[in-house]
């Protein structure tokens, strides 16, 4: 067995495991973000009373979060993961 075959045999499963983990992370991020967005949409009047934040702002943020969650979910379910989209999701989630 030459070195190239050995490297491929070890690297491919590791890469597939990392890709599977990234897909799971993107989907979990989408679910959490979507839940917070839905909460902001549905509970806007209660949150307005509690925090004094305007209802229109809460609903706008809720809509943006739900749309962002849909985009993350879409990105995580593609046949081929887009590296730029994955890095954008990681960066925006960290912010």
PDB file of N, CA and C in Angstrom:
ATOM      1  N   UNK A   1       0.845  -1.163   0.000  1.00  0.00           N
ATOM      2  CA  UNK A   1       0.000   0.000   0.000  1.00  0.00           C
ATOM      3  C   UNK A   1       0.900   1.238   0.000  1.00  0.00           C
ATOM      4  N   UNK A   2       0.644   2.135  -0.945  1.00  0.00           N
ATOM      5  CA  UNK A   2       1.482   3.338  -1.003  1.00  0.00           C
ATOM      6  C   UNK A   2       0.919   4.430  -0.087  1.00  0.00           C
ATOM      7  N   UNK A   3       1.698   5.493   0.085  1.00  0.00           N
ATOM      8  CA  UNK A   3       1.316   6.556   1.022  1.00  0.00           C
ATOM      9  C   UNK A   3       0.028   7.260   0.617  1.00  0.00           C
ATOM     10  N   UNK A   4      -0.176   7.419  -0.680  1.00  0.00           N
ATOM     11  CA  UNK A   4      -1.378   8.121  -1.135  1.00  0.00           C
ATOM     12  C   UNK A   4      -2.637   7.338  -0.776  1.00  0.00           C
ATOM     13  N   UNK A   5      -2.622   6.037  -0.978  1.00  0.00           N
ATOM     14  CA  UNK A   5      -3.785   5.219  -0.632  1.00  0.00           C
ATOM     15  C   UNK A   5      -4.027   5.263   0.873  1.00  0.00           C
ATOM     16  N   UNK A   6      -2.963   5.229   1.639  1.00  0.00           N
ATOM     17  CA  UNK A   6      -3.076   5.268   3.094  1.00  0.00           C
ATOM     18  C   UNK A   6      -3.686   6.591   3.551  1.00  0.00           C
ATOM     19  N   UNK A   7      -3.212   7.706   2.997  1.00  0.00           N
ATOM     20  CA  UNK A   7      -3.744   9.020   3.352  1.00  0.00           C
ATOM     21  C   UNK A   7      -5.220   9.130   2.998  1.00  0.00           C
ATOM     22  N   UNK A   8      -5.593   8.663   1.822  1.00  0.00           N
ATOM     23  CA  UNK A   8      -6.986   8.735   1.390  1.00  0.00           C
ATOM     24  C   UNK A   8      -7.868   7.883   2.286  1.00  0.00           C
ATOM     25  N   UNK A   9      -7.400   6.724   2.670  1.00  0.00           N
ATOM     26  CA  UNK A   9      -8.194   5.837   3.515  1.00  0.00           C
ATOM     27  C   UNK A   9      -8.439   6.445   4.892  1.00  0.00           C
ATOM     28  N   UNK A  10      -7.525   7.248   5.381  1.00  0.00           N
ATOM     29  CA  UNK A  10      -7.690   7.867   6.700  1.00  0.00           C
ATOM     30  C   UNK A  10      -8.402   9.209   6.645  1.00  0.00           C
ATOM     31  N   UNK A  11      -8.151   9.982   5.616  1.00  0.00           N
ATOM     32  CA  UNK A  11      -8.680  11.346   5.544  1.00  0.00           C
ATOM     33  C   UNK A  11     -10.150  11.362   5.150  1.00  0.00           C
ATOM     34  N   UNK A  12     -10.547  10.525   4.224  1.00  0.00           N
ATOM     35  CA  UNK A  12     -11.931  10.556   3.741  1.00  0.00           C
ATOM     36  C   UNK A  12     -12.945  10.331   4.863  1.00  0.00           C
ATOM     37  N   UNK A  13     -12.791   9.297   5.712  1.00  0.00           N
ATOM     38  CA  UNK A  13     -13.772   9.142   6.798  1.00  0.00           C
ATOM     39  C   UNK A  13     -13.778  10.324   7.765  1.00  0.00           C
ATOM     40  N   UNK A  14     -12.627  10.895   8.037  1.00  0.00           N
ATOM     41  CA  UNK A  14     -12.560  12.052   8.932  1.00  0.00           C
ATOM     42  C   UNK A  14     -13.291  13.240   8.322  1.00  0.00           C
ATOM     43  N   UNK A  15     -13.101  13.451   7.040  1.00  0.00           N
ATOM     44  CA  UNK A  15     -13.764  14.563   6.351  1.00  0.00           C
ATOM     45  C   UNK A  15     -15.275  14.348   6.328  1.00  0.00           C
ATOM     46  N   UNK A  16     -15.703  13.115   6.083  1.00  0.00           N
ATOM     47  CA  UNK A  16     -17.140  12.827   6.063  1.00  0.00           C
ATOM     48  C   UNK A  16     -17.755  13.025   7.444  1.00  0.00           C
ATOM     49  N   UNK A  17     -17.018  12.660   8.490  1.00  0.00           N
ATOM     50  CA  UNK A  17     -17.509  12.875   9.849  1.00  0.00           C
ATOM     51  C   UNK A  17     -17.629  14.355  10.167  1.00  0.00           C
ATOM     52  N   UNK A  18     -16.662  15.142   9.740  1.00  0.00           N
ATOM     53  CA  UNK A  18     -16.702  16.582   9.965  1.00  0.00           C
ATOM     54  C   UNK A  18     -17.863  17.213   9.195  1.00  0.00           C
ATOM     55  N   UNK A  19     -18.091  16.748   7.996  1.00  0.00           N
ATOM     56  CA  UNK A  19     -19.201  17.289   7.194  1.00  0.00           C
ATOM     57  C   UNK A  19     -20.543  16.934   7.837  1.00  0.00           C
ATOM     58  N   UNK A  20     -20.659  15.728   8.335  1.00  0.00           N
ATOM     59  CA  UNK A  20     -21.898  15.308   9.002  1.00  0.00           C
ATOM     60  C   UNK A  20     -22.136  16.165  10.256  1.00  0.00           C
ATOM     61  N   UNK A  21     -21.068  16.430  11.012  1.00  0.00           N
ATOM     62  CA  UNK A  21     -21.168  17.271  12.205  1.00  0.00           C
ATOM     63  C   UNK A  21     -21.576  18.696  11.830  1.00  0.00           C
ATOM     64  N   UNK A  22     -20.997  19.236  10.756  1.00  0.00           N
ATOM     65  CA  UNK A  22     -21.342  20.588  10.313  1.00  0.00           C
ATOM     66  C   UNK A  22     -22.805  20.658   9.889  1.00  0.00           C
ATOM     67  N   UNK A  23     -23.281  19.638   9.179  1.00  0.00           N
ATOM     68  CA  UNK A  23     -24.693  19.613   8.784  1.00  0.00           C
ATOM     69  C   UNK A  23     -25.604  19.613  10.014  1.00  0.00           C
ATOM     70  N   UNK A  24     -25.252  18.797  10.997  1.00  0.00           N
ATOM     71  CA  UNK A  24     -26.048  18.739  12.228  1.00  0.00           C
ATOM     72  C   UNK A  24     -26.015  20.090  12.940  1.00  0.00           C
ATOM     73  N   UNK A  25     -24.849  20.696  13.030  1.00  0.00           N
ATOM     74  CA  UNK A  25     -24.724  22.002  13.690  1.00  0.00           C
ATOM     75  C   UNK A  25     -25.557  23.062  12.972  1.00  0.00           C
ATOM     76  N   UNK A  26     -25.534  23.053  11.646  1.00  0.00           N
ATOM     77  CA  UNK A  26     -26.325  24.029  10.889  1.00  0.00           C
ATOM     78  C   UNK A  26     -27.821  23.817  11.130  1.00  0.00           C
ATOM     79  N   UNK A  27     -28.251  22.571  11.149  1.00  0.00           N
ATOM     80  CA  UNK A  27     -29.678  22.295  11.378  1.00  0.00           C
ATOM     81  C   UNK A  27     -30.104  22.681  12.789  1.00  0.00           C
ATOM     82  N   UNK A  28     -29.266  22.378  13.785  1.00  0.00           N
ATOM     83  CA  UNK A  28     -29.593  22.769  15.158  1.00  0.00           C
ATOM     84  C   UNK A  28     -29.629  24.288  15.306  1.00  0.00           C
ATOM     85  N   UNK A  29     -28.705  24.959  14.648  1.00  0.00           N
ATOM     86  CA  UNK A  29     -28.690  26.422  14.664  1.00  0.00           C
ATOM     87  C   UNK A  29     -29.963  26.965  14.028  1.00  0.00           C
ATOM     88  N   UNK A  30     -30.380  26.356  12.933  1.00  0.00           N
ATOM     89  CA  UNK A  30     -31.597  26.804  12.252  1.00  0.00           C
ATOM     90  C   UNK A  30     -32.824  26.619  13.146  1.00  0.00           C
ATOM     91  N   UNK A  31     -32.902  25.495  13.835  1.00  0.00           N
ATOM     92  CA  UNK A  31     -34.048  25.245  14.721  1.00  0.00           C
ATOM     93  C   UNK A  31     -34.072  26.254  15.873  1.00  0.00           C
ATOM     94  N   UNK A  32     -32.936  26.481  16.497  1.00  0.00           N
ATOM     95  CA  UNK A  32     -32.876  27.422  17.618  1.00  0.00           C
ATOM     96  C   UNK A  32     -33.192  28.846  17.163  1.00  0.00           C
ATOM     97  N   UNK A  33     -32.609  29.248  16.044  1.00  0.00           N
ATOM     98  CA  UNK A  33     -32.849  30.596  15.534  1.00  0.00           C
ATOM     99  C   UNK A  33     -34.309  30.765  15.124  1.00  0.00           C
ATOM    100  N   UNK A  34     -34.868  29.770  14.473  1.00  0.00           N
ATOM    101  CA  UNK A  34     -36.272  29.822  14.073  1.00  0.00           C
ATOM    102  C   UNK A  34     -37.203  29.897  15.277  1.00  0.00           C
ATOM    103  N   UNK A  35     -36.866  29.163  16.333  1.00  0.00           N
ATOM    104  CA  UNK A  35     -37.689  29.189  17.547  1.00  0.00           C
ATOM    105  C   UNK A  35     -37.671  30.571  18.194  1.00  0.00           C
ATOM    106  N   UNK A  36     -36.506  31.187  18.259  1.00  0.00           N
ATOM    107  CA  UNK A  36     -36.412  32.541  18.838  1.00  0.00           C
ATOM    108  C   UNK A  36     -37.165  33.538  17.957  1.00  0.00           C
ATOM    109  N   UNK A  37     -37.032  33.383  16.637  1.00  0.00           N
ATOM    110  CA  UNK A  37     -37.762  34.266  15.729  1.00  0.00           C
ATOM    111  C   UNK A  37     -39.266  34.109  15.862  1.00  0.00           C
ATOM    112  N   UNK A  38     -39.738  32.863  15.948  1.00  0.00           N
ATOM    113  CA  UNK A  38     -41.171  32.613  16.116  1.00  0.00           C
ATOM    114  C   UNK A  38     -41.670  33.169  17.449  1.00  0.00           C
ATOM    115  N   UNK A  39     -40.850  33.022  18.478  1.00  0.00           N
ATOM    116  CA  UNK A  39     -41.218  33.578  19.783  1.00  0.00           C
ATOM    117  C   UNK A  39     -41.337  35.101  19.707  1.00  0.00           C
ATOM    118  N   UNK A  40     -40.413  35.738  19.024  1.00  0.00           N
ATOM    119  CA  UNK A  40     -40.471  37.196  18.878  1.00  0.00           C
ATOM    120  C   UNK A  40     -41.720  37.619  18.107  1.00  0.00           C
ATOM    121  N   UNK A  41     -42.109  36.833  17.126  1.00  0.00           N
ATOM    122  CA  UNK A  41     -43.314  37.160  16.352  1.00  0.00           C
ATOM    123  C   UNK A  41     -44.585  36.978  17.183  1.00  0.00           C
ATOM    124  N   UNK A  42     -44.673  35.843  17.849  1.00  0.00           N
ATOM    125  CA  UNK A  42     -45.911  35.498  18.559  1.00  0.00           C
ATOM    126  C   UNK A  42     -46.051  36.266  19.878  1.00  0.00           C
ATOM    127  N   UNK A  43     -44.968  36.383  20.591  1.00  0.00           N
ATOM    128  CA  UNK A  43     -45.036  36.978  21.927  1.00  0.00           C
ATOM    129  C   UNK A  43     -44.637  38.449  21.944  1.00  0.00           C
ATOM    130  N   UNK A  44     -44.675  39.112  20.813  1.00  0.00           N
ATOM    131  CA  UNK A  44     -44.263  40.520  20.753  1.00  0.00           C
ATOM    132  C   UNK A  44     -45.001  41.413  21.745  1.00  0.00           C
ATOM    133  N   UNK A  45     -46.316  41.294  21.884  1.00  0.00           N
ATOM    134  CA  UNK A  45     -46.994  42.160  22.859  1.00  0.00           C
ATOM    135  C   UNK A  45     -46.535  41.914  24.305  1.00  0.00           C
ATOM    136  N   UNK A  46     -46.345  40.643  24.659  1.00  0.00           N
ATOM    137  CA  UNK A  46     -45.868  40.331  26.006  1.00  0.00           C
ATOM    138  C   UNK A  46     -44.449  40.847  26.233  1.00  0.00           C
ATOM    139  N   UNK A  47     -43.600  40.667  25.225  1.00  0.00           N
ATOM    140  CA  UNK A  47     -42.223  41.133  25.339  1.00  0.00           C
ATOM    141  C   UNK A  47     -42.159  42.656  25.388  1.00  0.00           C
ATOM    142  N   UNK A  48     -43.088  43.303  24.695  1.00  0.00           N
ATOM    143  CA  UNK A  48     -43.162  44.770  24.743  1.00  0.00           C
ATOM    144  C   UNK A  48     -43.478  45.223  26.164  1.00  0.00           C
ATOM    145  N   UNK A  49     -44.445  44.575  26.799  1.00  0.00           N
ATOM    146  CA  UNK A  49     -44.789  44.923  28.182  1.00  0.00           C
ATOM    147  C   UNK A  49     -43.629  44.637  29.137  1.00  0.00           C
ATOM    148  N   UNK A  50     -42.949  43.539  28.908  1.00  0.00           N
ATOM    149  CA  UNK A  50     -41.885  43.111  29.811  1.00  0.00           C
ATOM    150  C   UNK A  50     -40.624  43.960  29.684  1.00  0.00           C
ATOM    151  N   UNK A  51     -40.216  44.216  28.439  1.00  0.00           N
ATOM    152  CA  UNK A  51     -38.945  44.920  28.212  1.00  0.00           C
ATOM    153  C   UNK A  51     -39.098  46.352  27.703  1.00  0.00           C
ATOM    154  N   UNK A  52     -40.286  46.713  27.264  1.00  0.00           N
ATOM    155  CA  UNK A  52     -40.500  48.049  26.724  1.00  0.00           C
ATOM    156  C   UNK A  52     -39.988  48.208  25.294  1.00  0.00           C
ATOM    157  N   UNK A  53     -39.764  47.099  24.625  1.00  0.00           N
ATOM    158  CA  UNK A  53     -39.296  47.128  23.232  1.00  0.00           C
ATOM    159  C   UNK A  53     -40.509  47.258  22.312  1.00  0.00           C
ATOM    160  N   UNK A  54     -40.463  48.137  21.333  1.00  0.00           N
ATOM    161  CA  UNK A  54     -41.615  48.317  20.436  1.00  0.00           C
ATOM    162  C   UNK A  54     -41.997  47.010  19.708  1.00  0.00           C
ATOM    163  N   UNK A  55     -43.288  46.799  19.587  1.00  0.00           N
ATOM    164  CA  UNK A  55     -43.801  45.584  18.947  1.00  0.00           C
ATOM    165  C   UNK A  55     -43.318  45.479  17.508  1.00  0.00           C
ATOM    166  N   UNK A  56     -43.293  46.595  16.784  1.00  0.00           N
ATOM    167  CA  UNK A  56     -42.852  46.539  15.390  1.00  0.00           C
ATOM    168  C   UNK A  56     -41.396  46.088  15.276  1.00  0.00           C
ATOM    169  N   UNK A  57     -40.561  46.525  16.208  1.00  0.00           N
ATOM    170  CA  UNK A  57     -39.164  46.081  16.207  1.00  0.00           C
ATOM    171  C   UNK A  57     -39.068  44.585  16.495  1.00  0.00           C
ATOM    172  N   UNK A  58     -39.808  44.115  17.479  1.00  0.00           N
ATOM    173  CA  UNK A  58     -39.787  42.690  17.815  1.00  0.00           C
ATOM    174  C   UNK A  58     -40.265  41.829  16.649  1.00  0.00           C
ATOM    175  N   UNK A  59     -41.325  42.268  16.010  1.00  0.00           N
ATOM    176  CA  UNK A  59     -41.837  41.485  14.875  1.00  0.00           C
ATOM    177  C   UNK A  59     -40.883  41.535  13.685  1.00  0.00           C
ATOM    178  N   UNK A  60     -40.240  42.660  13.468  1.00  0.00           N
ATOM    179  CA  UNK A  60     -39.256  42.759  12.378  1.00  0.00           C
ATOM    180  C   UNK A  60     -38.070  41.839  12.638  1.00  0.00           C
ATOM    181  N   UNK A  61     -37.572  41.868  13.854  1.00  0.00           N
ATOM    182  CA  UNK A  61     -36.458  40.982  14.212  1.00  0.00           C
ATOM    183  C   UNK A  61     -36.895  39.520  14.095  1.00  0.00           C
ATOM    184  N   UNK A  62     -38.106  39.222  14.526  1.00  0.00           N
ATOM    185  CA  UNK A  62     -38.632  37.860  14.410  1.00  0.00           C
ATOM    186  C   UNK A  62     -38.683  37.381  12.973  1.00  0.00           C
ATOM    187  N   UNK A  63     -39.151  38.242  12.068  1.00  0.00           N
ATOM    188  CA  UNK A  63     -39.207  37.874  10.649  1.00  0.00           C
ATOM    189  C   UNK A  63     -37.815  37.637  10.071  1.00  0.00           C
ATOM    190  N   UNK A  64     -36.877  38.500  10.433  1.00  0.00           N
ATOM    191  CA  UNK A  64     -35.500  38.342   9.945  1.00  0.00           C
ATOM    192  C   UNK A  64     -34.914  37.032  10.461  1.00  0.00           C
ATOM    193  N   UNK A  65     -35.141  36.720  11.731  1.00  0.00           N
ATOM    194  CA  UNK A  65     -34.604  35.478  12.296  1.00  0.00           C
ATOM    195  C   UNK A  65     -35.223  34.242  11.664  1.00  0.00           C
ATOM    196  N   UNK A  66     -36.509  34.275  11.398  1.00  0.00           N
ATOM    197  CA  UNK A  66     -37.151  33.123  10.748  1.00  0.00           C
ATOM    198  C   UNK A  66     -36.609  32.943   9.330  1.00  0.00           C
ATOM    199  N   UNK A  67     -36.435  34.037   8.598  1.00  0.00           N
ATOM    200  CA  UNK A  67     -35.870  33.948   7.241  1.00  0.00           C
ATOM    201  C   UNK A  67     -34.431  33.443   7.285  1.00  0.00           C
ATOM    202  N   UNK A  68     -33.651  33.930   8.240  1.00  0.00           N
ATOM    203  CA  UNK A  68     -32.264  33.484   8.406  1.00  0.00           C
ATOM    204  C   UNK A  68     -32.218  31.996   8.754  1.00  0.00           C
ATOM    205  N   UNK A  69     -33.118  31.566   9.634  1.00  0.00           N
ATOM    206  CA  UNK A  69     -33.183  30.145  10.002  1.00  0.00           C
ATOM    207  C   UNK A  69     -33.502  29.280   8.795  1.00  0.00           C
ATOM    208  N   UNK A  70     -34.409  29.743   7.946  1.00  0.00           N
ATOM    209  CA  UNK A  70     -34.740  28.982   6.737  1.00  0.00           C
ATOM    210  C   UNK A  70     -33.533  28.874   5.808  1.00  0.00           C
ATOM    211  N   UNK A  71     -32.774  29.956   5.705  1.00  0.00           N
ATOM    212  CA  UNK A  71     -31.577  29.941   4.851  1.00  0.00           C
ATOM    213  C   UNK A  71     -30.513  28.991   5.417  1.00  0.00           C
ATOM    214  N   UNK A  72     -30.340  28.978   6.733  1.00  0.00           N
ATOM    215  CA  UNK A  72     -29.372  28.064   7.340  1.00  0.00           C
ATOM    216  C   UNK A  72     -29.806  26.615   7.136  1.00  0.00           C
ATOM    217  N   UNK A  73     -31.092  26.345   7.337  1.00  0.00           N
ATOM    218  CA  UNK A  73     -31.598  24.977   7.144  1.00  0.00           C
ATOM    219  C   UNK A  73     -31.373  24.544   5.697  1.00  0.00           C
ATOM    220  N   UNK A  74     -31.700  25.431   4.766  1.00  0.00           N
ATOM    221  CA  UNK A  74     -31.505  25.133   3.344  1.00  0.00           C
ATOM    222  C   UNK A  74     -30.031  24.826   3.069  1.00  0.00           C
ATOM    223  N   UNK A  75     -29.150  25.617   3.627  1.00  0.00           N
ATOM    224  CA  UNK A  75     -27.714  25.414   3.425  1.00  0.00           C
ATOM    225  C   UNK A  75     -27.255  24.073   3.995  1.00  0.00           C
ATOM    226  N   UNK A  76     -27.791  23.688   5.143  1.00  0.00           N
ATOM    227  CA  UNK A  76     -27.389  22.438   5.783  1.00  0.00           C
ATOM    228  C   UNK A  76     -27.937  21.190   5.133  1.00  0.00           C
ATOM    229  N   UNK A  77     -28.933  21.334   4.269  1.00  0.00           N
ATOM    230  CA  UNK A  77     -29.534  20.161   3.628  1.00  0.00           C
ATOM    231  C   UNK A  77     -29.114  19.974   2.174  1.00  0.00           C
ATOM    232  N   UNK A  78     -28.270  20.836   1.669  1.00  0.00           N
ATOM    233  CA  UNK A  78     -27.812  20.703   0.278  1.00  0.00           C
ATOM    234  C   UNK A  78     -26.909  19.484   0.141  1.00  0.00           C
ATOM    235  N   UNK A  79     -26.877  18.945  -1.050  1.00  0.00           N
ATOM    236  CA  UNK A  79     -26.024  17.789  -1.327  1.00  0.00           C
ATOM    237  C   UNK A  79     -24.555  18.123  -1.084  1.00  0.00           C
ATOM    238  N   UNK A  80     -24.150  19.295  -1.545  1.00  0.00           N
ATOM    239  CA  UNK A  80     -22.784  19.759  -1.335  1.00  0.00           C
ATOM    240  C   UNK A  80     -22.836  20.998  -0.447  1.00  0.00           C
ATOM    241  N   UNK A  81     -22.093  20.963   0.632  1.00  0.00           N
ATOM    242  CA  UNK A  81     -22.071  22.117   1.521  1.00  0.00           C
ATOM    243  C   UNK A  81     -21.277  23.247   0.890  1.00  0.00           C
ATOM    244  N   UNK A  82     -21.830  24.437   0.952  1.00  0.00           N
ATOM    245  CA  UNK A  82     -21.144  25.626   0.468  1.00  0.00           C
ATOM    246  C   UNK A  82     -20.308  26.183   1.615  1.00  0.00           C
ATOM    247  N   UNK A  83     -19.009  26.187   1.426  1.00  0.00           N
ATOM    248  CA  UNK A  83     -18.108  26.639   2.497  1.00  0.00           C
ATOM    249  C   UNK A  83     -18.380  28.070   2.918  1.00  0.00           C
ATOM    250  N   UNK A  84     -18.627  28.939   1.943  1.00  0.00           N
ATOM    251  CA  UNK A  84     -18.877  30.349   2.257  1.00  0.00           C
ATOM    252  C   UNK A  84     -20.152  30.495   3.088  1.00  0.00           C
ATOM    253  N   UNK A  85     -21.180  29.757   2.732  1.00  0.00           N
ATOM    254  CA  UNK A  85     -22.438  29.833   3.478  1.00  0.00           C
ATOM    255  C   UNK A  85     -22.259  29.298   4.897  1.00  0.00           C
ATOM    256  N   UNK A  86     -21.494  28.229   5.039  1.00  0.00           N
ATOM    257  CA  UNK A  86     -21.249  27.666   6.371  1.00  0.00           C
ATOM    258  C   UNK A  86     -20.463  28.653   7.234  1.00  0.00           C
ATOM    259  N   UNK A  87     -19.438  29.264   6.673  1.00  0.00           N
ATOM    260  CA  UNK A  87     -18.661  30.254   7.429  1.00  0.00           C
ATOM    261  C   UNK A  87     -19.499  31.472   7.751  1.00  0.00           C
ATOM    262  N   UNK A  88     -20.367  31.877   6.842  1.00  0.00           N
ATOM    263  CA  UNK A  88     -21.245  33.020   7.110  1.00  0.00           C
ATOM    264  C   UNK A  88     -22.189  32.697   8.273  1.00  0.00           C
ATOM    265  N   UNK A  89     -22.735  31.491   8.289  1.00  0.00           N
ATOM    266  CA  UNK A  89     -23.620  31.081   9.374  1.00  0.00           C
ATOM    267  C   UNK A  89     -22.880  31.054  10.707  1.00  0.00           C
ATOM    268  N   UNK A  90     -21.684  30.522  10.704  1.00  0.00           N
ATOM    269  CA  UNK A  90     -20.877  30.470  11.939  1.00  0.00           C
ATOM    270  C   UNK A  90     -20.571  31.879  12.428  1.00  0.00           C
ATOM    271  N   UNK A  91     -20.179  32.753  11.510  1.00  0.00           N
ATOM    272  CA  UNK A  91     -19.838  34.128  11.880  1.00  0.00           C
ATOM    273  C   UNK A  91     -21.051  34.895  12.395  1.00  0.00           C
ATOM    274  N   UNK A  92     -22.170  34.786  11.694  1.00  0.00           N
ATOM    275  CA  UNK A  92     -23.371  35.511  12.118  1.00  0.00           C
ATOM    276  C   UNK A  92     -23.920  34.967  13.426  1.00  0.00           C
ATOM    277  N   UNK A  93     -23.798  33.685  13.648  1.00  0.00           N
ATOM    278  CA  UNK A  93     -24.261  33.104  14.911  1.00  0.00           C
ATOM    279  C   UNK A  93     -23.378  33.570  16.057  1.00  0.00           C
ATOM    280  N   UNK A  94     -22.093  33.703  15.811  1.00  0.00           N
ATOM    281  CA  UNK A  94     -21.168  34.147  16.850  1.00  0.00           C
ATOM    282  C   UNK A  94     -21.411  35.607  17.234  1.00  0.00           C
ATOM    283  N   UNK A  95     -21.915  36.381  16.289  1.00  0.00           N
ATOM    284  CA  UNK A  95     -22.170  37.799  16.552  1.00  0.00           C
ATOM    285  C   UNK A  95     -23.438  37.894  17.345  1.00  0.00           C
TER     286      UNK A  95
END
